[in-house]
Amino acid sequence: MITLITTVLNEGDNIHHLLNSLLRQTRPPDEIIIVDGGSSDNTVEILRRYQDKLPLRVIVQAGCNISQGRNVAIRAAQGDMLAFTDAGVRLTETWLEHITQPLLDNSGVNVVAGFFKADPQTLFEAAMGATVLPLVDEIDPATFLPSSRSVAVRKSAAQQVQGYPEWLDYCEDLVFDMRLRQTQPPFVFAPDALVYFRPRGAMQAYFKQYYRYARGDGKADLWRKRHAIRYLTYLVAEPLIVLLVLMVHPVFLLLGVLGAIVYLYPPYRRLLVVMRDMPQPSIFAWMQAIVLVPLIRVVGDIAKMLGYPAGWRWRWQHHPPDWSVND
């Protein structure tokens, strides 16, 4: 039996994308559990309209965070296989079939990692998707940590790692993945289990999102080296290059140019793919997207450099549990 799980909070404008795509699944879920964190809009009303079309159970748990909501659903699930996704996404028609087939085919498989692609509706969203989301050919299945917008897990495995970390408000799915990797290897990568979602549509929303992601990294003590490299790049390497150009020789500007090429090559390569899905982009649109990519990159880096120490401050104050230990 397969249970599909997601959490929602004020998703009245977006939830129909997920619900309508669930109606079209080639392998329908046996059970759907959606936990609402206390929406103040019409989210719950919309969900209840679909209860005569889908095997949908709505649980209202006002004030819960994403981890708490998912854990409520895990405990309530009757299925022995759990498929997780996010509100506001659009599932391909074969998503549930592909994300659960490895579990059905092999009792030794406990986790299946699906994939996700940007579904941009604006030029900014296209540039955003190219900047922050990898292409499938960039994924190493041996190390890939799936977002919980596209993942399937046996209920027994989710329970063994004690579900999602309820003390963590962002990056909770990474900690969940890492605990599963410690106890339930290997993960099976199912790139055809595809989910589409819209990237953030404005710079302010993007900054807030990546500030919170980095704060979650700090709270969970994730990616120390990655964040250290970012601080060294912006606070040491770049000022040093400027000093060398001003005080020694302009030829040192080439170091900065080389660094920018290395830094921006992946998003520009992705932009070629993402822009193909946009309706006949003009040369002007291409120029805008090309300019937006480095701006988005820098704004995201600033958000991360501010969010990470905020997360560490929280960590020092609250002393969260050691998530790497499976009790």
C-alpha atoms as a PDB file:
ATOM      1  CA  MET A   1       0.000   0.000   0.000  1.00  0.00           C
ATOM      2  CA  ILE A   2       1.327   3.431  -0.978  1.00  0.00           C
ATOM      3  CA  THR A   3       0.660   6.569   1.056  1.00  0.00           C
ATOM      4  CA  LEU A   4       1.436   9.976  -0.418  1.00  0.00           C
ATOM      5  CA  ILE A   5       2.382  12.643   2.137  1.00  0.00           C
ATOM      6  CA  THR A   6       2.749  16.399   1.982  1.00  0.00           C
ATOM      7  CA  THR A   7       2.327  19.417   4.257  1.00  0.00           C
ATOM      8  CA  VAL A   8       0.675  22.733   3.440  1.00  0.00           C
ATOM      9  CA  LEU A   9       0.397  26.236   4.850  1.00  0.00           C
ATOM     10  CA  ASN A  10      -1.555  28.952   3.024  1.00  0.00           C
ATOM     11  CA  GLU A  11      -1.259  27.233  -0.353  1.00  0.00           C
ATOM     12  CA  GLY A  12      -4.717  28.175  -1.621  1.00  0.00           C
ATOM     13  CA  ASP A  13      -3.306  29.794  -4.766  1.00  0.00           C
ATOM     14  CA  ASN A  14      -1.094  26.823  -5.650  1.00  0.00           C
ATOM     15  CA  ILE A  15      -2.424  23.570  -4.210  1.00  0.00           C
ATOM     16  CA  HIS A  16      -4.600  22.798  -7.255  1.00  0.00           C
ATOM     17  CA  HIS A  17      -1.451  22.041  -9.296  1.00  0.00           C
ATOM     18  CA  LEU A  18      -0.597  19.145  -7.006  1.00  0.00           C
ATOM     19  CA  LEU A  19      -4.148  17.887  -6.584  1.00  0.00           C
ATOM     20  CA  ASN A  20      -4.927  17.925 -10.298  1.00  0.00           C
ATOM     21  CA  SER A  21      -1.690  16.109 -11.102  1.00  0.00           C
ATOM     22  CA  LEU A  22      -2.581  13.484  -8.487  1.00  0.00           C
ATOM     23  CA  LEU A  23      -5.828  12.849 -10.348  1.00  0.00           C
ATOM     24  CA  ARG A  24      -3.831  11.989 -13.475  1.00  0.00           C
ATOM     25  CA  GLN A  25      -1.323   9.531 -11.979  1.00  0.00           C
ATOM     26  CA  THR A  26      -0.826   6.289 -13.907  1.00  0.00           C
ATOM     27  CA  ARG A  27      -0.386   4.607 -10.527  1.00  0.00           C
ATOM     28  CA  PRO A  28      -2.804   6.338  -8.121  1.00  0.00           C
ATOM     29  CA  PRO A  29      -1.886   6.430  -4.427  1.00  0.00           C
ATOM     30  CA  ASP A  30      -3.865   4.182  -2.114  1.00  0.00           C
ATOM     31  CA  GLU A  31      -3.917   6.925   0.490  1.00  0.00           C
ATOM     32  CA  ILE A  32      -3.092  10.636   0.568  1.00  0.00           C
ATOM     33  CA  ILE A  33      -2.371  12.424   3.846  1.00  0.00           C
ATOM     34  CA  ILE A  34      -1.998  16.191   3.789  1.00  0.00           C
ATOM     35  CA  VAL A  35      -1.160  17.952   7.045  1.00  0.00           C
ATOM     36  CA  ASP A  36      -2.125  21.613   7.241  1.00  0.00           C
ATOM     37  CA  GLY A  37      -0.028  23.751   9.585  1.00  0.00           C
ATOM     38  CA  GLY A  38      -2.861  26.169  10.389  1.00  0.00           C
ATOM     39  CA  SER A  39      -3.638  27.938   7.107  1.00  0.00           C
ATOM     40  CA  SER A  40      -5.460  31.259   7.340  1.00  0.00           C
ATOM     41  CA  ASP A  41      -6.559  31.181   3.689  1.00  0.00           C
ATOM     42  CA  ASN A  42      -8.838  28.734   1.841  1.00  0.00           C
ATOM     43  CA  THR A  43      -6.300  25.880   1.612  1.00  0.00           C
ATOM     44  CA  VAL A  44      -8.259  23.417   3.759  1.00  0.00           C
ATOM     45  CA  GLU A  45     -11.523  24.265   1.983  1.00  0.00           C
ATOM     46  CA  ILE A  46      -9.919  23.507  -1.393  1.00  0.00           C
ATOM     47  CA  LEU A  47      -8.472  20.244  -0.085  1.00  0.00           C
ATOM     48  CA  ARG A  48     -11.853  19.064   1.162  1.00  0.00           C
ATOM     49  CA  ARG A  49     -13.360  19.637  -2.304  1.00  0.00           C
ATOM     50  CA  TYR A  50     -11.072  16.892  -3.609  1.00  0.00           C
ATOM     51  CA  GLN A  51     -11.972  14.305  -0.977  1.00  0.00           C
ATOM     52  CA  ASP A  52     -14.650  12.757  -3.186  1.00  0.00           C
ATOM     53  CA  LYS A  53     -12.131  12.448  -6.068  1.00  0.00           C
ATOM     54  CA  LEU A  54      -9.025  11.284  -4.190  1.00  0.00           C
ATOM     55  CA  PRO A  55      -8.381   8.985  -1.179  1.00  0.00           C
ATOM     56  CA  LEU A  56      -7.495  12.133   0.722  1.00  0.00           C
ATOM     57  CA  ARG A  57      -7.250  12.625   4.464  1.00  0.00           C
ATOM     58  CA  VAL A  58      -6.683  16.162   5.748  1.00  0.00           C
ATOM     59  CA  ILE A  59      -5.142  16.637   9.187  1.00  0.00           C
ATOM     60  CA  VAL A  60      -5.095  20.160  10.622  1.00  0.00           C
ATOM     61  CA  GLN A  61      -2.202  20.615  13.039  1.00  0.00           C
ATOM     62  CA  ALA A  62      -2.054  24.353  13.691  1.00  0.00           C
ATOM     63  CA  GLY A  63       1.401  25.688  14.475  1.00  0.00           C
ATOM     64  CA  CYS A  64       3.387  22.647  13.370  1.00  0.00           C
ATOM     65  CA  ASN A  65       6.497  23.056  11.244  1.00  0.00           C
ATOM     66  CA  ILE A  66       7.207  20.976   8.124  1.00  0.00           C
ATOM     67  CA  SER A  67       9.033  18.226  10.029  1.00  0.00           C
ATOM     68  CA  GLN A  68       6.299  17.924  12.637  1.00  0.00           C
ATOM     69  CA  GLY A  69       3.644  17.796   9.930  1.00  0.00           C
ATOM     70  CA  ARG A  70       5.424  15.076   8.003  1.00  0.00           C
ATOM     71  CA  ASN A  71       5.941  13.050  11.166  1.00  0.00           C
ATOM     72  CA  VAL A  72       2.237  13.340  12.000  1.00  0.00           C
ATOM     73  CA  ALA A  73       1.491  11.947   8.541  1.00  0.00           C
ATOM     74  CA  ILE A  74       4.091   9.155   8.882  1.00  0.00           C
ATOM     75  CA  ARG A  75       2.488   7.999  12.123  1.00  0.00           C
ATOM     76  CA  ALA A  76      -1.002   8.158  10.608  1.00  0.00           C
ATOM     77  CA  ALA A  77      -0.071   6.423   7.335  1.00  0.00           C
ATOM     78  CA  GLN A  78      -1.511   2.976   6.691  1.00  0.00           C
ATOM     79  CA  GLY A  79       0.803   2.340   3.744  1.00  0.00           C
ATOM     80  CA  ASP A  80       4.092   0.492   4.089  1.00  0.00           C
ATOM     81  CA  MET A  81       5.555   2.717   1.337  1.00  0.00           C
ATOM     82  CA  LEU A  82       5.563   6.504   1.708  1.00  0.00           C
ATOM     83  CA  ALA A  83       5.938   8.964  -1.173  1.00  0.00           C
ATOM     84  CA  PHE A  84       6.748  12.563  -0.196  1.00  0.00           C
ATOM     85  CA  THR A  85       6.232  15.708  -2.217  1.00  0.00           C
ATOM     86  CA  ASP A  86       5.572  19.417  -1.651  1.00  0.00           C
ATOM     87  CA  ALA A  87       2.532  21.612  -2.053  1.00  0.00           C
ATOM     88  CA  GLY A  88       2.347  23.776  -5.161  1.00  0.00           C
ATOM     89  CA  VAL A  89       4.302  21.365  -7.358  1.00  0.00           C
ATOM     90  CA  ARG A  90       3.115  19.661 -10.530  1.00  0.00           C
ATOM     91  CA  LEU A  91       3.773  15.928 -10.705  1.00  0.00           C
ATOM     92  CA  THR A  92       4.355  14.227 -14.029  1.00  0.00           C
ATOM     93  CA  GLU A  93       1.694  11.609 -14.723  1.00  0.00           C
ATOM     94  CA  THR A  94       4.116   8.726 -14.089  1.00  0.00           C
ATOM     95  CA  TRP A  95       5.744  10.238 -10.988  1.00  0.00           C
ATOM     96  CA  LEU A  96       4.265   7.906  -8.372  1.00  0.00           C
ATOM     97  CA  GLU A  97       4.755   4.889 -10.606  1.00  0.00           C
ATOM     98  CA  HIS A  98       8.459   5.653 -11.098  1.00  0.00           C
ATOM     99  CA  ILE A  99       9.199   6.732  -7.514  1.00  0.00           C
ATOM    100  CA  THR A 100       7.722   3.547  -6.019  1.00  0.00           C
ATOM    101  CA  GLN A 101       8.615   0.898  -8.616  1.00  0.00           C
ATOM    102  CA  PRO A 102      12.102   0.179  -7.174  1.00  0.00           C
ATOM    103  CA  LEU A 103      10.486  -0.452  -3.774  1.00  0.00           C
ATOM    104  CA  LEU A 104       8.009  -2.850  -5.354  1.00  0.00           C
ATOM    105  CA  ASP A 105      10.664  -4.625  -7.408  1.00  0.00           C
ATOM    106  CA  ASN A 106      13.280  -5.116  -4.689  1.00  0.00           C
ATOM    107  CA  SER A 107      12.578  -5.648  -0.988  1.00  0.00           C
ATOM    108  CA  GLY A 108      16.186  -4.648  -0.266  1.00  0.00           C
ATOM    109  CA  VAL A 109      15.584  -1.098  -1.466  1.00  0.00           C
ATOM    110  CA  ASN A 110      14.309   1.297   1.188  1.00  0.00           C
ATOM    111  CA  VAL A 111      14.768   4.763  -0.372  1.00  0.00           C
ATOM    112  CA  VAL A 112      14.138   6.068  -3.893  1.00  0.00           C
ATOM    113  CA  ALA A 113      15.329   9.523  -4.903  1.00  0.00           C
ATOM    114  CA  GLY A 114      13.279  11.247  -7.579  1.00  0.00           C
ATOM    115  CA  PHE A 115      14.161  14.433  -9.408  1.00  0.00           C
ATOM    116  CA  PHE A 116      12.739  17.917  -9.949  1.00  0.00           C
ATOM    117  CA  LYS A 117      12.868  20.595 -12.607  1.00  0.00           C
ATOM    118  CA  ALA A 118      12.064  24.273 -12.701  1.00  0.00           C
ATOM    119  CA  ASP A 119       8.725  25.254 -14.218  1.00  0.00           C
ATOM    120  CA  PRO A 120       9.411  28.946 -14.893  1.00  0.00           C
ATOM    121  CA  GLN A 121       6.596  31.280 -15.878  1.00  0.00           C
ATOM    122  CA  THR A 122       8.689  34.456 -16.050  1.00  0.00           C
ATOM    123  CA  LEU A 123      12.140  35.419 -17.247  1.00  0.00           C
ATOM    124  CA  PHE A 124      13.329  35.940 -13.665  1.00  0.00           C
ATOM    125  CA  GLU A 125      12.125  32.450 -12.713  1.00  0.00           C
ATOM    126  CA  ALA A 126      13.983  30.985 -15.692  1.00  0.00           C
ATOM    127  CA  ALA A 127      17.220  32.696 -14.636  1.00  0.00           C
ATOM    128  CA  MET A 128      16.589  31.585 -11.061  1.00  0.00           C
ATOM    129  CA  GLY A 129      16.070  27.962 -12.064  1.00  0.00           C
ATOM    130  CA  ALA A 130      19.258  27.975 -14.128  1.00  0.00           C
ATOM    131  CA  THR A 131      21.229  29.481 -11.258  1.00  0.00           C
ATOM    132  CA  VAL A 132      20.159  27.268  -8.369  1.00  0.00           C
ATOM    133  CA  LEU A 133      18.920  23.937  -9.776  1.00  0.00           C
ATOM    134  CA  PRO A 134      21.178  21.207 -11.216  1.00  0.00           C
ATOM    135  CA  LEU A 135      20.447  19.377 -14.446  1.00  0.00           C
ATOM    136  CA  VAL A 136      19.990  15.633 -14.284  1.00  0.00           C
ATOM    137  CA  ASP A 137      23.370  15.012 -15.956  1.00  0.00           C
ATOM    138  CA  GLU A 138      25.044  16.835 -13.040  1.00  0.00           C
ATOM    139  CA  ILE A 139      23.710  14.321 -10.511  1.00  0.00           C
ATOM    140  CA  ASP A 140      25.894  11.628  -8.985  1.00  0.00           C
ATOM    141  CA  PRO A 141      23.405   8.956  -7.849  1.00  0.00           C
ATOM    142  CA  ALA A 142      25.919   7.673  -5.288  1.00  0.00           C
ATOM    143  CA  THR A 143      25.878  10.945  -3.336  1.00  0.00           C
ATOM    144  CA  PHE A 144      22.618  12.631  -4.353  1.00  0.00           C
ATOM    145  CA  LEU A 145      20.442  13.738  -1.439  1.00  0.00           C
ATOM    146  CA  PRO A 146      16.869  14.082  -2.697  1.00  0.00           C
ATOM    147  CA  SER A 147      14.599  16.926  -1.786  1.00  0.00           C
ATOM    148  CA  SER A 148      11.424  15.771  -0.079  1.00  0.00           C
ATOM    149  CA  ARG A 149       9.488  17.161  -3.013  1.00  0.00           C
ATOM    150  CA  SER A 150      10.362  13.868  -4.773  1.00  0.00           C
ATOM    151  CA  VAL A 151      11.317  10.898  -2.613  1.00  0.00           C
ATOM    152  CA  ALA A 152       9.860   7.532  -1.558  1.00  0.00           C
ATOM    153  CA  VAL A 153      10.732   5.624   1.610  1.00  0.00           C
ATOM    154  CA  ARG A 154       9.535   2.482   3.310  1.00  0.00           C
ATOM    155  CA  LYS A 155       7.611   3.412   6.448  1.00  0.00           C
ATOM    156  CA  SER A 156       9.810   1.109   8.519  1.00  0.00           C
ATOM    157  CA  ALA A 157      12.922   2.972   7.337  1.00  0.00           C
ATOM    158  CA  ALA A 158      11.408   6.378   8.120  1.00  0.00           C
ATOM    159  CA  GLN A 159      10.479   5.174  11.592  1.00  0.00           C
ATOM    160  CA  GLN A 160      13.932   3.704  12.192  1.00  0.00           C
ATOM    161  CA  VAL A 161      15.537   7.152  11.737  1.00  0.00           C
ATOM    162  CA  GLN A 162      12.763   8.696  13.876  1.00  0.00           C
ATOM    163  CA  GLY A 163      11.264  10.651  11.013  1.00  0.00           C
ATOM    164  CA  TYR A 164      12.163  14.232  10.238  1.00  0.00           C
ATOM    165  CA  PRO A 165      14.067  16.338  12.823  1.00  0.00           C
ATOM    166  CA  GLU A 166      11.355  18.426  14.472  1.00  0.00           C
ATOM    167  CA  TRP A 167      13.848  20.901  15.960  1.00  0.00           C
ATOM    168  CA  LEU A 168      14.893  21.968  12.442  1.00  0.00           C
ATOM    169  CA  ASP A 169      12.722  24.298  10.369  1.00  0.00           C
ATOM    170  CA  TYR A 170      14.771  24.303   7.131  1.00  0.00           C
ATOM    171  CA  CYS A 171      17.097  21.689   5.575  1.00  0.00           C
ATOM    172  CA  GLU A 172      15.153  19.091   7.525  1.00  0.00           C
ATOM    173  CA  ASP A 173      14.960  16.852   4.461  1.00  0.00           C
ATOM    174  CA  LEU A 174      18.760  16.804   4.138  1.00  0.00           C
ATOM    175  CA  VAL A 175      19.142  15.558   7.711  1.00  0.00           C
ATOM    176  CA  PHE A 176      16.413  12.979   7.048  1.00  0.00           C
ATOM    177  CA  ASP A 177      18.305  11.853   3.918  1.00  0.00           C
ATOM    178  CA  MET A 178      21.642  11.663   5.723  1.00  0.00           C
ATOM    179  CA  ARG A 179      20.221   9.555   8.542  1.00  0.00           C
ATOM    180  CA  LEU A 180      18.666   7.235   5.971  1.00  0.00           C
ATOM    181  CA  ARG A 181      22.023   6.943   4.176  1.00  0.00           C
ATOM    182  CA  GLN A 182      23.631   5.903   7.465  1.00  0.00           C
ATOM    183  CA  THR A 183      21.155   3.100   8.030  1.00  0.00           C
ATOM    184  CA  GLN A 184      19.372   2.259   4.761  1.00  0.00           C
ATOM    185  CA  PRO A 185      21.892   2.276   1.875  1.00  0.00           C
ATOM    186  CA  PRO A 186      21.848   2.297  -1.031  1.00  0.00           C
ATOM    187  CA  PHE A 187      19.499   4.951  -2.438  1.00  0.00           C
ATOM    188  CA  VAL A 188      18.047   4.217  -5.875  1.00  0.00           C
ATOM    189  CA  PHE A 189      17.994   7.211  -8.211  1.00  0.00           C
ATOM    190  CA  ALA A 190      14.838   7.445 -10.354  1.00  0.00           C
ATOM    191  CA  PRO A 191      15.296  10.476 -12.638  1.00  0.00           C
ATOM    192  CA  ASP A 192      11.984   9.786 -14.394  1.00  0.00           C
ATOM    193  CA  ALA A 193      10.143  10.381 -11.116  1.00  0.00           C
ATOM    194  CA  LEU A 194       9.903  14.015 -12.060  1.00  0.00           C
ATOM    195  CA  VAL A 195       8.328  16.974 -10.255  1.00  0.00           C
ATOM    196  CA  TYR A 196       7.960  20.477 -11.678  1.00  0.00           C
ATOM    197  CA  PHE A 197       7.867  23.537  -9.454  1.00  0.00           C
ATOM    198  CA  ARG A 198       8.094  27.297  -9.850  1.00  0.00           C
ATOM    199  CA  PRO A 199      11.249  28.958  -8.505  1.00  0.00           C
ATOM    200  CA  ARG A 200      10.920  32.100  -6.426  1.00  0.00           C
ATOM    201  CA  GLY A 201       9.580  34.919  -8.577  1.00  0.00           C
ATOM    202  CA  ALA A 202      11.304  37.911  -6.993  1.00  0.00           C
ATOM    203  CA  MET A 203      14.714  38.730  -5.577  1.00  0.00           C
ATOM    204  CA  GLN A 204      13.397  39.483  -2.073  1.00  0.00           C
ATOM    205  CA  ALA A 205      11.623  36.119  -1.803  1.00  0.00           C
ATOM    206  CA  TYR A 206      14.728  34.362  -3.120  1.00  0.00           C
ATOM    207  CA  PHE A 207      16.977  36.134  -0.582  1.00  0.00           C
ATOM    208  CA  LYS A 208      14.658  35.126   2.257  1.00  0.00           C
ATOM    209  CA  GLN A 209      14.521  31.519   1.069  1.00  0.00           C
ATOM    210  CA  TYR A 210      18.299  31.087   0.849  1.00  0.00           C
ATOM    211  CA  TYR A 211      18.898  32.932   4.103  1.00  0.00           C
ATOM    212  CA  ARG A 212      16.654  30.357   5.754  1.00  0.00           C
ATOM    213  CA  TYR A 213      18.362  27.466   3.969  1.00  0.00           C
ATOM    214  CA  ALA A 214      21.769  28.648   5.190  1.00  0.00           C
ATOM    215  CA  ARG A 215      20.417  29.245   8.686  1.00  0.00           C
ATOM    216  CA  GLY A 216      19.204  25.643   8.623  1.00  0.00           C
ATOM    217  CA  ASP A 217      22.704  24.547   7.565  1.00  0.00           C
ATOM    218  CA  GLY A 218      24.102  26.356  10.589  1.00  0.00           C
ATOM    219  CA  LYS A 219      21.545  24.873  12.968  1.00  0.00           C
ATOM    220  CA  ALA A 220      22.322  21.349  11.732  1.00  0.00           C
ATOM    221  CA  ASP A 221      26.086  21.934  11.314  1.00  0.00           C
ATOM    222  CA  LEU A 222      25.982  21.112   7.592  1.00  0.00           C
ATOM    223  CA  TRP A 223      28.474  21.929   4.829  1.00  0.00           C
ATOM    224  CA  ARG A 224      31.188  23.662   6.885  1.00  0.00           C
ATOM    225  CA  LYS A 225      33.714  23.509   4.026  1.00  0.00           C
ATOM    226  CA  ARG A 226      31.240  24.793   1.462  1.00  0.00           C
ATOM    227  CA  HIS A 227      30.365  27.822   3.569  1.00  0.00           C
ATOM    228  CA  ALA A 228      34.016  28.408   4.477  1.00  0.00           C
ATOM    229  CA  ILE A 229      34.950  28.526   0.787  1.00  0.00           C
ATOM    230  CA  ARG A 230      32.238  31.118   0.205  1.00  0.00           C
ATOM    231  CA  TYR A 231      33.541  33.359   3.008  1.00  0.00           C
ATOM    232  CA  LEU A 232      37.114  32.990   1.769  1.00  0.00           C
ATOM    233  CA  THR A 233      36.093  33.866  -1.779  1.00  0.00           C
ATOM    234  CA  TYR A 234      34.184  37.034  -0.932  1.00  0.00           C
ATOM    235  CA  LEU A 235      36.123  38.243   2.106  1.00  0.00           C
ATOM    236  CA  VAL A 236      39.688  37.224   1.191  1.00  0.00           C
ATOM    237  CA  ALA A 237      40.245  36.245  -2.450  1.00  0.00           C
ATOM    238  CA  GLU A 238      38.228  39.007  -4.120  1.00  0.00           C
ATOM    239  CA  PRO A 239      39.642  41.865  -1.981  1.00  0.00           C
ATOM    240  CA  LEU A 240      43.128  40.443  -2.538  1.00  0.00           C
ATOM    241  CA  ILE A 241      42.667  40.472  -6.324  1.00  0.00           C
ATOM    242  CA  VAL A 242      41.467  44.094  -6.169  1.00  0.00           C
ATOM    243  CA  LEU A 243      44.569  45.063  -4.170  1.00  0.00           C
ATOM    244  CA  LEU A 244      46.865  43.258  -6.605  1.00  0.00           C
ATOM    245  CA  VAL A 245      45.235  45.029  -9.563  1.00  0.00           C
ATOM    246  CA  LEU A 246      45.488  48.457  -7.912  1.00  0.00           C
ATOM    247  CA  MET A 247      48.920  48.110  -6.319  1.00  0.00           C
ATOM    248  CA  VAL A 248      50.853  45.635  -8.487  1.00  0.00           C
ATOM    249  CA  HIS A 249      49.601  45.195 -12.051  1.00  0.00           C
ATOM    250  CA  PRO A 250      46.258  45.107 -13.929  1.00  0.00           C
ATOM    251  CA  VAL A 251      47.159  41.661 -15.273  1.00  0.00           C
ATOM    252  CA  PHE A 252      45.920  40.235 -11.962  1.00  0.00           C
ATOM    253  CA  LEU A 253      42.419  41.130 -13.151  1.00  0.00           C
ATOM    254  CA  LEU A 254      42.660  37.967 -15.210  1.00  0.00           C
ATOM    255  CA  LEU A 255      42.461  35.967 -11.968  1.00  0.00           C
ATOM    256  CA  GLY A 256      39.104  37.526 -11.245  1.00  0.00           C
ATOM    257  CA  VAL A 257      37.900  36.923 -14.800  1.00  0.00           C
ATOM    258  CA  LEU A 258      38.998  33.274 -14.636  1.00  0.00           C
ATOM    259  CA  GLY A 259      37.246  32.829 -11.288  1.00  0.00           C
ATOM    260  CA  ALA A 260      34.039  34.373 -12.655  1.00  0.00           C
ATOM    261  CA  ILE A 261      34.101  32.042 -15.663  1.00  0.00           C
ATOM    262  CA  VAL A 262      34.458  28.977 -13.450  1.00  0.00           C
ATOM    263  CA  TYR A 263      31.775  30.259 -11.083  1.00  0.00           C
ATOM    264  CA  LEU A 264      29.216  31.158 -13.742  1.00  0.00           C
ATOM    265  CA  TYR A 265      29.756  28.357 -16.255  1.00  0.00           C
ATOM    266  CA  PRO A 266      27.271  25.893 -14.634  1.00  0.00           C
ATOM    267  CA  PRO A 267      24.309  28.319 -14.476  1.00  0.00           C
ATOM    268  CA  TYR A 268      24.950  29.630 -17.981  1.00  0.00           C
ATOM    269  CA  ARG A 269      25.104  26.059 -19.273  1.00  0.00           C
ATOM    270  CA  ARG A 270      21.765  25.348 -17.586  1.00  0.00           C
ATOM    271  CA  LEU A 271      20.313  28.583 -18.941  1.00  0.00           C
ATOM    272  CA  LEU A 272      20.667  27.221 -22.471  1.00  0.00           C
ATOM    273  CA  VAL A 273      18.402  24.335 -21.450  1.00  0.00           C
ATOM    274  CA  VAL A 274      15.910  26.308 -19.356  1.00  0.00           C
ATOM    275  CA  MET A 275      15.392  29.054 -21.923  1.00  0.00           C
ATOM    276  CA  ARG A 276      14.450  26.476 -24.556  1.00  0.00           C
ATOM    277  CA  ASP A 277      11.247  25.874 -22.591  1.00  0.00           C
ATOM    278  CA  MET A 278      10.335  29.557 -22.591  1.00  0.00           C
ATOM    279  CA  PRO A 279       7.966  30.736 -25.364  1.00  0.00           C
ATOM    280  CA  GLN A 280      10.251  32.085 -28.120  1.00  0.00           C
ATOM    281  CA  PRO A 281      12.605  34.237 -26.023  1.00  0.00           C
ATOM    282  CA  SER A 282      13.834  37.341 -27.805  1.00  0.00           C
ATOM    283  CA  ILE A 283      17.433  38.532 -27.932  1.00  0.00           C
ATOM    284  CA  PHE A 284      16.470  41.134 -25.324  1.00  0.00           C
ATOM    285  CA  ALA A 285      15.108  38.376 -23.067  1.00  0.00           C
ATOM    286  CA  TRP A 286      18.344  36.427 -23.471  1.00  0.00           C
ATOM    287  CA  MET A 287      20.352  39.512 -22.531  1.00  0.00           C
ATOM    288  CA  GLN A 288      18.211  40.062 -19.434  1.00  0.00           C
ATOM    289  CA  ALA A 289      18.629  36.442 -18.350  1.00  0.00           C
ATOM    290  CA  ILE A 290      22.393  36.594 -18.887  1.00  0.00           C
ATOM    291  CA  VAL A 291      22.597  39.681 -16.643  1.00  0.00           C
ATOM    292  CA  LEU A 292      20.269  38.202 -14.019  1.00  0.00           C
ATOM    293  CA  VAL A 293      22.296  35.029 -13.458  1.00  0.00           C
ATOM    294  CA  PRO A 294      25.333  36.653 -11.729  1.00  0.00           C
ATOM    295  CA  LEU A 295      23.039  38.998  -9.783  1.00  0.00           C
ATOM    296  CA  ILE A 296      21.024  36.056  -8.491  1.00  0.00           C
ATOM    297  CA  ARG A 297      24.234  34.194  -7.665  1.00  0.00           C
ATOM    298  CA  VAL A 298      25.672  37.081  -5.633  1.00  0.00           C
ATOM    299  CA  VAL A 299      22.413  37.824  -3.811  1.00  0.00           C
ATOM    300  CA  GLY A 300      22.103  34.146  -2.890  1.00  0.00           C
ATOM    301  CA  ASP A 301      25.671  34.066  -1.614  1.00  0.00           C
ATOM    302  CA  ILE A 302      25.077  37.139   0.553  1.00  0.00           C
ATOM    303  CA  ALA A 303      21.914  35.545   1.940  1.00  0.00           C
ATOM    304  CA  LYS A 304      23.852  32.381   2.774  1.00  0.00           C
ATOM    305  CA  MET A 305      26.718  34.279   4.405  1.00  0.00           C
ATOM    306  CA  LEU A 306      24.225  36.061   6.663  1.00  0.00           C
ATOM    307  CA  GLY A 307      22.053  33.039   7.364  1.00  0.00           C
ATOM    308  CA  TYR A 308      24.779  30.552   8.265  1.00  0.00           C
ATOM    309  CA  PRO A 309      26.124  32.402  11.343  1.00  0.00           C
ATOM    310  CA  ALA A 310      22.538  33.056  12.455  1.00  0.00           C
ATOM    311  CA  GLY A 311      22.012  29.297  12.413  1.00  0.00           C
ATOM    312  CA  TRP A 312      25.216  28.680  14.352  1.00  0.00           C
ATOM    313  CA  ARG A 313      24.169  31.239  16.969  1.00  0.00           C
ATOM    314  CA  TRP A 314      20.911  29.341  17.384  1.00  0.00           C
ATOM    315  CA  ARG A 315      22.881  26.088  17.650  1.00  0.00           C
ATOM    316  CA  TRP A 316      25.090  27.438  20.446  1.00  0.00           C
ATOM    317  CA  GLN A 317      22.032  28.677  22.338  1.00  0.00           C
ATOM    318  CA  HIS A 318      19.810  25.595  21.996  1.00  0.00           C
ATOM    319  CA  HIS A 319      22.245  22.641  21.801  1.00  0.00           C
ATOM    320  CA  PRO A 320      20.178  20.483  19.396  1.00  0.00           C
ATOM    321  CA  PRO A 321      20.587  16.686  19.358  1.00  0.00           C
ATOM    322  CA  ASP A 322      23.339  15.011  17.377  1.00  0.00           C
ATOM    323  CA  TRP A 323      21.323  14.020  14.300  1.00  0.00           C
ATOM    324  CA  SER A 324      24.169  11.841  12.975  1.00  0.00           C
ATOM    325  CA  VAL A 325      23.661   9.313  15.755  1.00  0.00           C
ATOM    326  CA  ASN A 326      20.891   6.770  15.216  1.00  0.00           C
ATOM    327  CA  ASP A 327      19.523   6.120  18.685  1.00  0.00           C
END
